[in-house]
Amino acid sequence: MFQSQPILGFIGIGLMGKPMVKRLLGAGFTVNVWNRDQAKLNEVVEAGAKKNDSIFSMVANSDVIMMCVSDTEAVQDVVFGEQGISAGLKAHPESKLKVLMDFSSIDPDRTRSMAESLQEASDISWVDCPVSGGVAGAEQGTLAIMCGGDEEVISQLNAIFDPLSQRVTRMGPTGSGQVTKICNQMIVSCNVLVMAEVMALAEKAGVESAQIPQALKGGFADSIPLQLTGPRMAERDFDDVKWHVKTLLKDLDMASDLSKAMQSSTPMAGLGAELMRMHGSKGYMESDPCTLIEQYLPVDKDLKD
């Protein structure tokens, strides 16, 4: 597919996109970048990325375009909006763009529909490749990546995946990566919700809750979210946002939609969505999920002293 190292484009320089771009730059790739909020490009441009003023410019100068944006509607706009990738391909018929890689977590059916439309209009391969591992995984290049798309196309993207991931798994045809990410988020969300209950219960019972993650490390109850988020819950360390409540809620709502379509019962995830929605409705949508402990233990400044 690529006779030389491909030139990459990256759309969406947020919590995950920024460290991913830095990893790609560190691996020697040329990376064009674009973001709705152009101010968010400053740090990656300083690291060596090439700022693009429009998606059209990125289409004209990239072999592969990667997206990591907020939701399904954002992907729709980036790809099929008036100033999006599809329109850019019409404006630049000489473009060498071959593959669109979507790291976003979005609706599987919409993914399939958009991929088919783009393939028919422009003969561009779509690979849905959502990730798990959070900001820490993006920074360390240890993301777990779950892919949907053509097997041969995915195999030719290994050099791009290598600086980003510890593991890449093709789950099936287009949309399969998004289904797998929904399953991932069901587990993660229910985990962090019960974690908040555990940390609050331990504290109320007189246990030094900050020791819970260490005490459970290596046991069946251990998890990466417990080790990363548990101490922050105990210390009420809410300021450094590593992920968002609104993101987990969006994914749990997609799990509900998928379960209805598949006629598959998902009562735990359904309850989790409503608990997450209740928390978010209190002003926490943009906050880190470690704030979930606030459901059970309101901030007490004396606890920090």
Protein backbone atom coordinates (compact mmCIF):
# COMPACT_ATOMS: atom_id res chain seq x y z
CA MET A 1 0.00 0.00 0.00
CA PHE A 2 2.82 2.39 0.93
CA GLN A 3 6.07 2.41 -1.02
CA SER A 4 7.71 4.63 1.61
CA GLN A 5 6.89 5.83 5.11
CA PRO A 6 3.37 7.30 4.91
CA ILE A 7 2.68 10.92 5.76
CA LEU A 8 0.08 11.05 8.49
CA GLY A 9 -2.72 13.46 9.27
CA PHE A 10 -4.23 13.63 12.74
CA ILE A 11 -7.56 15.28 13.56
CA GLY A 12 -8.52 15.79 17.21
CA ILE A 13 -5.75 16.99 19.51
CA GLY A 14 -7.43 16.32 22.83
CA LEU A 15 -6.56 14.32 25.94
CA MET A 16 -5.71 11.25 23.85
CA GLY A 17 -4.78 12.81 20.52
CA LYS A 18 -2.00 14.98 21.88
CA PRO A 19 0.15 12.19 23.38
CA MET A 20 -0.58 9.93 20.40
CA VAL A 21 0.73 12.57 17.98
CA LYS A 22 3.83 13.00 20.12
CA ARG A 23 4.46 9.25 20.03
CA LEU A 24 4.14 9.23 16.22
CA LEU A 25 6.53 12.17 15.92
CA GLY A 26 8.99 10.38 18.18
CA ALA A 27 8.85 7.37 15.87
CA GLY A 28 9.93 9.58 12.96
CA PHE A 29 6.61 10.12 11.19
CA THR A 30 5.67 13.36 9.49
CA VAL A 31 2.33 14.33 11.07
CA ASN A 32 -0.06 16.98 9.77
CA VAL A 33 -2.46 18.16 12.47
CA TRP A 34 -5.81 19.94 12.54
CA ASN A 35 -8.21 20.73 15.34
CA ARG A 36 -11.37 22.83 15.62
CA ASP A 37 -9.71 24.77 18.42
CA GLN A 38 -6.44 25.69 16.73
CA ALA A 39 -4.90 26.79 20.05
CA LYS A 40 -4.75 23.12 21.06
CA LEU A 41 -2.23 22.54 18.26
CA ASN A 42 0.51 24.65 19.84
CA GLU A 43 2.10 21.91 21.94
CA VAL A 44 2.24 19.29 19.18
CA VAL A 45 3.47 21.86 16.65
CA GLU A 46 6.30 22.72 19.04
CA ALA A 47 7.06 18.99 19.13
CA GLY A 48 7.38 18.91 15.33
CA ALA A 49 3.89 18.42 13.91
CA LYS A 50 2.82 20.46 10.88
CA LYS A 51 -0.15 22.75 11.52
CA ASN A 52 -2.87 22.64 8.88
CA ASP A 53 -5.42 25.45 8.64
CA SER A 54 -8.05 23.20 7.07
CA ILE A 55 -9.00 19.57 6.60
CA PHE A 56 -8.69 20.17 2.84
CA SER A 57 -4.99 20.92 3.32
CA MET A 58 -4.59 17.72 5.32
CA VAL A 59 -6.32 15.68 2.60
CA ALA A 60 -3.98 17.14 -0.02
CA ASN A 61 -0.86 16.28 1.96
CA SER A 62 -1.50 13.02 3.83
CA ASP A 63 -1.41 9.32 2.92
CA VAL A 64 -3.32 8.30 6.05
CA ILE A 65 -5.69 10.43 8.12
CA MET A 66 -6.33 9.53 11.75
CA MET A 67 -9.22 10.82 13.85
CA CYS A 68 -9.72 10.94 17.60
CA VAL A 69 -12.78 13.09 18.22
CA SER A 70 -15.59 13.24 20.74
CA ASP A 71 -18.54 11.35 19.28
CA THR A 72 -20.37 10.02 16.24
CA GLU A 73 -21.64 13.42 15.13
CA ALA A 74 -18.14 14.86 15.28
CA VAL A 75 -16.85 12.05 13.04
CA GLN A 76 -19.75 12.60 10.63
CA ASP A 77 -18.88 16.30 10.40
CA VAL A 78 -15.14 15.73 10.01
CA VAL A 79 -15.67 13.22 7.20
CA PHE A 80 -18.82 14.41 5.40
CA GLY A 81 -19.23 18.05 6.45
CA GLU A 82 -18.87 20.89 3.94
CA GLN A 83 -15.23 21.34 4.91
CA GLY A 84 -14.63 17.66 5.67
CA ILE A 85 -12.52 14.86 4.26
CA SER A 86 -14.96 13.74 1.53
CA ALA A 87 -15.32 17.28 0.19
CA GLY A 88 -11.54 17.68 0.43
CA LEU A 89 -11.03 14.62 -1.76
CA LYS A 90 -13.26 16.16 -4.43
CA ALA A 91 -11.30 19.42 -4.21
CA HIS A 92 -7.98 17.54 -4.42
CA PRO A 93 -8.43 14.61 -6.83
CA GLU A 94 -4.63 14.26 -6.91
CA SER A 95 -4.63 13.32 -3.21
CA LYS A 96 -2.71 10.16 -2.26
CA LEU A 97 -4.95 9.50 0.75
CA LYS A 98 -5.55 5.77 1.07
CA VAL A 99 -6.77 5.02 4.60
CA LEU A 100 -8.91 6.68 7.24
CA MET A 101 -8.18 5.43 10.78
CA ASP A 102 -10.79 6.31 13.41
CA PHE A 103 -9.58 6.09 17.01
CA SER A 104 -12.81 7.67 18.28
CA SER A 105 -15.42 5.68 20.20
CA ILE A 106 -18.60 5.92 18.13
CA ASP A 107 -21.71 4.07 17.02
CA PRO A 108 -20.93 0.79 15.17
CA ASP A 109 -23.82 1.00 12.68
CA ARG A 110 -23.01 4.60 11.80
CA THR A 111 -19.38 3.55 11.38
CA ARG A 112 -20.37 0.90 8.83
CA SER A 113 -22.63 3.32 6.97
CA MET A 114 -20.00 6.07 6.81
CA ALA A 115 -17.30 3.61 5.76
CA GLU A 116 -19.45 2.32 2.90
CA SER A 117 -20.26 5.84 1.73
CA LEU A 118 -16.61 6.92 1.77
CA GLN A 119 -15.50 3.73 -0.02
CA GLU A 120 -18.10 4.19 -2.75
CA ALA A 121 -17.32 7.88 -3.25
CA SER A 122 -13.55 7.88 -2.96
CA ASP A 123 -12.20 4.31 -2.67
CA ILE A 124 -10.74 5.08 0.77
CA SER A 125 -10.39 2.22 3.27
CA TRP A 126 -11.93 2.88 6.69
CA VAL A 127 -10.45 1.21 9.77
CA ASP A 128 -12.24 1.71 13.07
CA CYS A 129 -9.58 1.33 15.74
CA PRO A 130 -10.77 2.65 19.12
CA VAL A 131 -8.31 2.41 21.96
CA SER A 132 -8.21 1.55 25.65
CA GLY A 133 -5.58 2.53 28.18
CA GLY A 134 -6.35 6.15 28.88
CA VAL A 135 -4.00 9.09 28.78
CA ALA A 136 -1.28 7.10 30.55
CA GLY A 137 -1.43 4.41 27.86
CA ALA A 138 -1.31 7.04 25.13
CA GLU A 139 1.72 8.69 26.72
CA GLN A 140 3.57 5.40 27.21
CA GLY A 141 2.59 3.82 23.89
CA THR A 142 0.83 0.91 25.62
CA LEU A 143 -2.71 1.30 24.31
CA ALA A 144 -4.85 -1.73 23.54
CA ILE A 145 -6.27 -1.18 20.06
CA MET A 146 -9.30 -3.08 18.76
CA CYS A 147 -9.79 -2.93 14.99
CA GLY A 148 -12.56 -3.40 12.50
CA GLY A 149 -11.86 -3.43 8.79
CA ASP A 150 -10.10 -5.26 5.97
CA GLU A 151 -7.51 -7.66 7.37
CA GLU A 152 -4.90 -6.87 4.71
CA VAL A 153 -5.29 -3.12 5.16
CA ILE A 154 -4.93 -3.41 8.95
CA SER A 155 -1.79 -5.54 8.59
CA GLN A 156 -0.18 -2.80 6.51
CA LEU A 157 -0.72 -0.27 9.29
CA ASN A 158 1.52 -2.05 11.81
CA ALA A 159 4.28 0.55 11.58
CA ILE A 160 1.75 3.22 12.57
CA PHE A 161 0.29 1.16 15.40
CA ASP A 162 3.68 0.18 16.86
CA PRO A 163 4.55 3.49 18.61
CA LEU A 164 1.04 3.69 20.05
CA SER A 165 0.18 0.26 21.31
CA GLN A 166 1.11 -2.84 23.21
CA ARG A 167 -1.44 -4.88 21.29
CA VAL A 168 -3.56 -4.58 18.15
CA THR A 169 -6.40 -7.06 17.60
CA ARG A 170 -8.54 -7.28 14.48
CA MET A 171 -12.04 -8.11 15.70
CA GLY A 172 -13.75 -8.51 12.34
CA PRO A 173 -15.15 -6.33 9.54
CA THR A 174 -15.76 -2.59 9.78
CA GLY A 175 -17.63 -1.66 12.96
CA SER A 176 -16.27 -4.59 14.97
CA GLY A 177 -13.70 -2.41 16.71
CA GLN A 178 -16.48 -0.11 17.90
CA VAL A 179 -18.54 -3.01 19.25
CA THR A 180 -15.49 -4.24 21.16
CA LYS A 181 -14.84 -0.77 22.57
CA ILE A 182 -18.43 -0.61 23.84
CA CYS A 183 -17.84 -3.92 25.63
CA ASN A 184 -14.62 -2.50 27.08
CA GLN A 185 -16.40 0.61 28.33
CA MET A 186 -19.17 -1.41 29.97
CA ILE A 187 -16.54 -3.13 32.11
CA VAL A 188 -14.54 0.04 32.80
CA SER A 189 -17.59 2.11 33.72
CA CYS A 190 -19.12 -0.46 36.06
CA ASN A 191 -15.67 -0.93 37.60
CA VAL A 192 -15.19 2.76 38.38
CA LEU A 193 -18.75 3.10 39.68
CA VAL A 194 -18.37 0.30 42.21
CA MET A 195 -14.90 1.59 43.03
CA ALA A 196 -16.45 4.83 44.26
CA GLU A 197 -18.79 2.83 46.52
CA VAL A 198 -15.87 0.77 47.84
CA MET A 199 -13.65 3.75 48.63
CA ALA A 200 -16.50 5.56 50.42
CA LEU A 201 -17.53 2.47 52.38
CA ALA A 202 -13.96 1.78 53.49
CA GLU A 203 -13.51 5.37 54.62
CA LYS A 204 -16.76 5.39 56.58
CA ALA A 205 -15.74 2.11 58.25
CA GLY A 206 -12.53 3.68 59.49
CA VAL A 207 -10.19 2.00 56.99
CA GLU A 208 -7.38 4.04 55.45
CA SER A 209 -8.97 4.07 52.01
CA ALA A 210 -5.81 5.27 50.26
CA GLN A 211 -4.34 1.84 51.04
CA ILE A 212 -7.14 -0.07 49.29
CA PRO A 213 -5.45 -0.12 45.84
CA GLN A 214 -2.17 -1.35 47.35
CA ALA A 215 -3.93 -3.96 49.50
CA LEU A 216 -5.80 -5.38 46.49
CA LYS A 217 -2.93 -5.18 44.02
CA GLY A 218 -2.37 -8.47 42.23
CA GLY A 219 -5.62 -9.97 43.50
CA PHE A 220 -8.78 -10.74 41.56
CA ALA A 221 -10.20 -7.30 42.38
CA ASP A 222 -7.20 -5.45 40.98
CA SER A 223 -7.39 -3.39 37.80
CA ILE A 224 -5.57 -0.54 36.10
CA PRO A 225 -8.46 1.85 36.87
CA LEU A 226 -8.24 0.88 40.55
CA GLN A 227 -4.53 1.66 40.68
CA LEU A 228 -4.88 4.94 38.79
CA THR A 229 -8.21 6.23 40.07
CA GLY A 230 -8.55 4.71 43.54
CA PRO A 231 -5.82 6.84 45.17
CA ARG A 232 -7.24 9.97 43.55
CA MET A 233 -10.67 9.18 45.00
CA ALA A 234 -9.16 8.72 48.44
CA GLU A 235 -7.21 11.98 48.26
CA ARG A 236 -9.98 13.94 46.48
CA ASP A 237 -7.45 14.67 43.74
CA PHE A 238 -9.89 15.89 41.11
CA ASP A 239 -8.00 18.62 39.27
CA ASP A 240 -5.98 16.68 36.68
CA VAL A 241 -8.65 15.38 34.30
CA LYS A 242 -7.48 12.13 32.68
CA TRP A 243 -10.85 11.17 31.19
CA HIS A 244 -14.38 12.55 31.32
CA VAL A 245 -17.64 11.50 32.95
CA LYS A 246 -19.45 12.55 29.75
CA THR A 247 -17.33 10.11 27.72
CA LEU A 248 -18.22 7.12 29.87
CA LEU A 249 -21.89 8.14 29.79
CA LYS A 250 -21.81 8.44 25.99
CA ASP A 251 -20.34 4.94 25.72
CA LEU A 252 -22.82 3.44 28.20
CA ASP A 253 -25.68 4.95 26.20
CA MET A 254 -24.25 3.35 23.06
CA ALA A 255 -24.12 0.04 24.97
CA SER A 256 -27.83 0.44 25.72
CA ASP A 257 -28.63 1.14 22.06
CA LEU A 258 -26.58 -1.85 20.93
CA SER A 259 -28.13 -4.17 23.49
CA LYS A 260 -31.63 -3.18 22.35
CA ALA A 261 -30.72 -3.75 18.72
CA MET A 262 -29.23 -7.16 19.55
CA GLN A 263 -32.03 -8.02 22.01
CA SER A 264 -29.34 -8.69 24.61
CA SER A 265 -29.99 -7.82 28.24
CA THR A 266 -27.41 -5.53 29.88
CA PRO A 267 -28.91 -4.55 33.26
CA MET A 268 -25.62 -3.65 34.98
CA ALA A 269 -24.57 -1.30 32.20
CA GLY A 270 -28.06 0.19 32.10
CA LEU A 271 -27.96 1.01 35.80
CA GLY A 272 -24.41 2.28 35.37
CA ALA A 273 -25.57 4.72 32.70
CA GLU A 274 -28.23 6.19 34.98
CA LEU A 275 -25.81 6.51 37.92
CA MET A 276 -23.30 8.19 35.60
CA ARG A 277 -26.03 10.48 34.21
CA MET A 278 -27.12 11.45 37.73
CA HIS A 279 -23.53 12.34 38.65
CA GLY A 280 -22.97 14.27 35.45
CA SER A 281 -26.20 16.23 35.89
CA LYS A 282 -24.74 17.72 39.08
CA GLY A 283 -22.08 19.58 37.10
CA TYR A 284 -19.55 16.79 36.68
CA MET A 285 -19.85 16.01 32.95
CA GLU A 286 -16.45 17.58 32.18
CA SER A 287 -14.88 16.16 35.35
CA ASP A 288 -12.73 13.09 35.88
CA PRO A 289 -14.65 9.95 36.97
CA CYS A 290 -12.65 9.93 40.20
CA THR A 291 -15.25 12.53 41.29
CA LEU A 292 -17.82 9.71 41.48
CA ILE A 293 -16.91 9.32 45.15
CA GLU A 294 -18.75 12.62 45.62
CA GLN A 295 -21.98 10.62 45.25
CA TYR A 296 -21.23 9.07 48.64
CA LEU A 297 -18.72 11.33 50.41
CA PRO A 298 -18.91 15.08 49.71
CA VAL A 299 -15.65 16.97 49.76
CA ASP A 300 -14.47 17.60 53.31
CA LYS A 301 -11.53 19.94 53.44
CA ASP A 302 -10.60 18.58 56.87
CA LEU A 303 -9.85 15.21 55.25
CA LYS A 304 -7.06 16.85 53.21
CA ASP A 305 -5.39 18.45 56.24
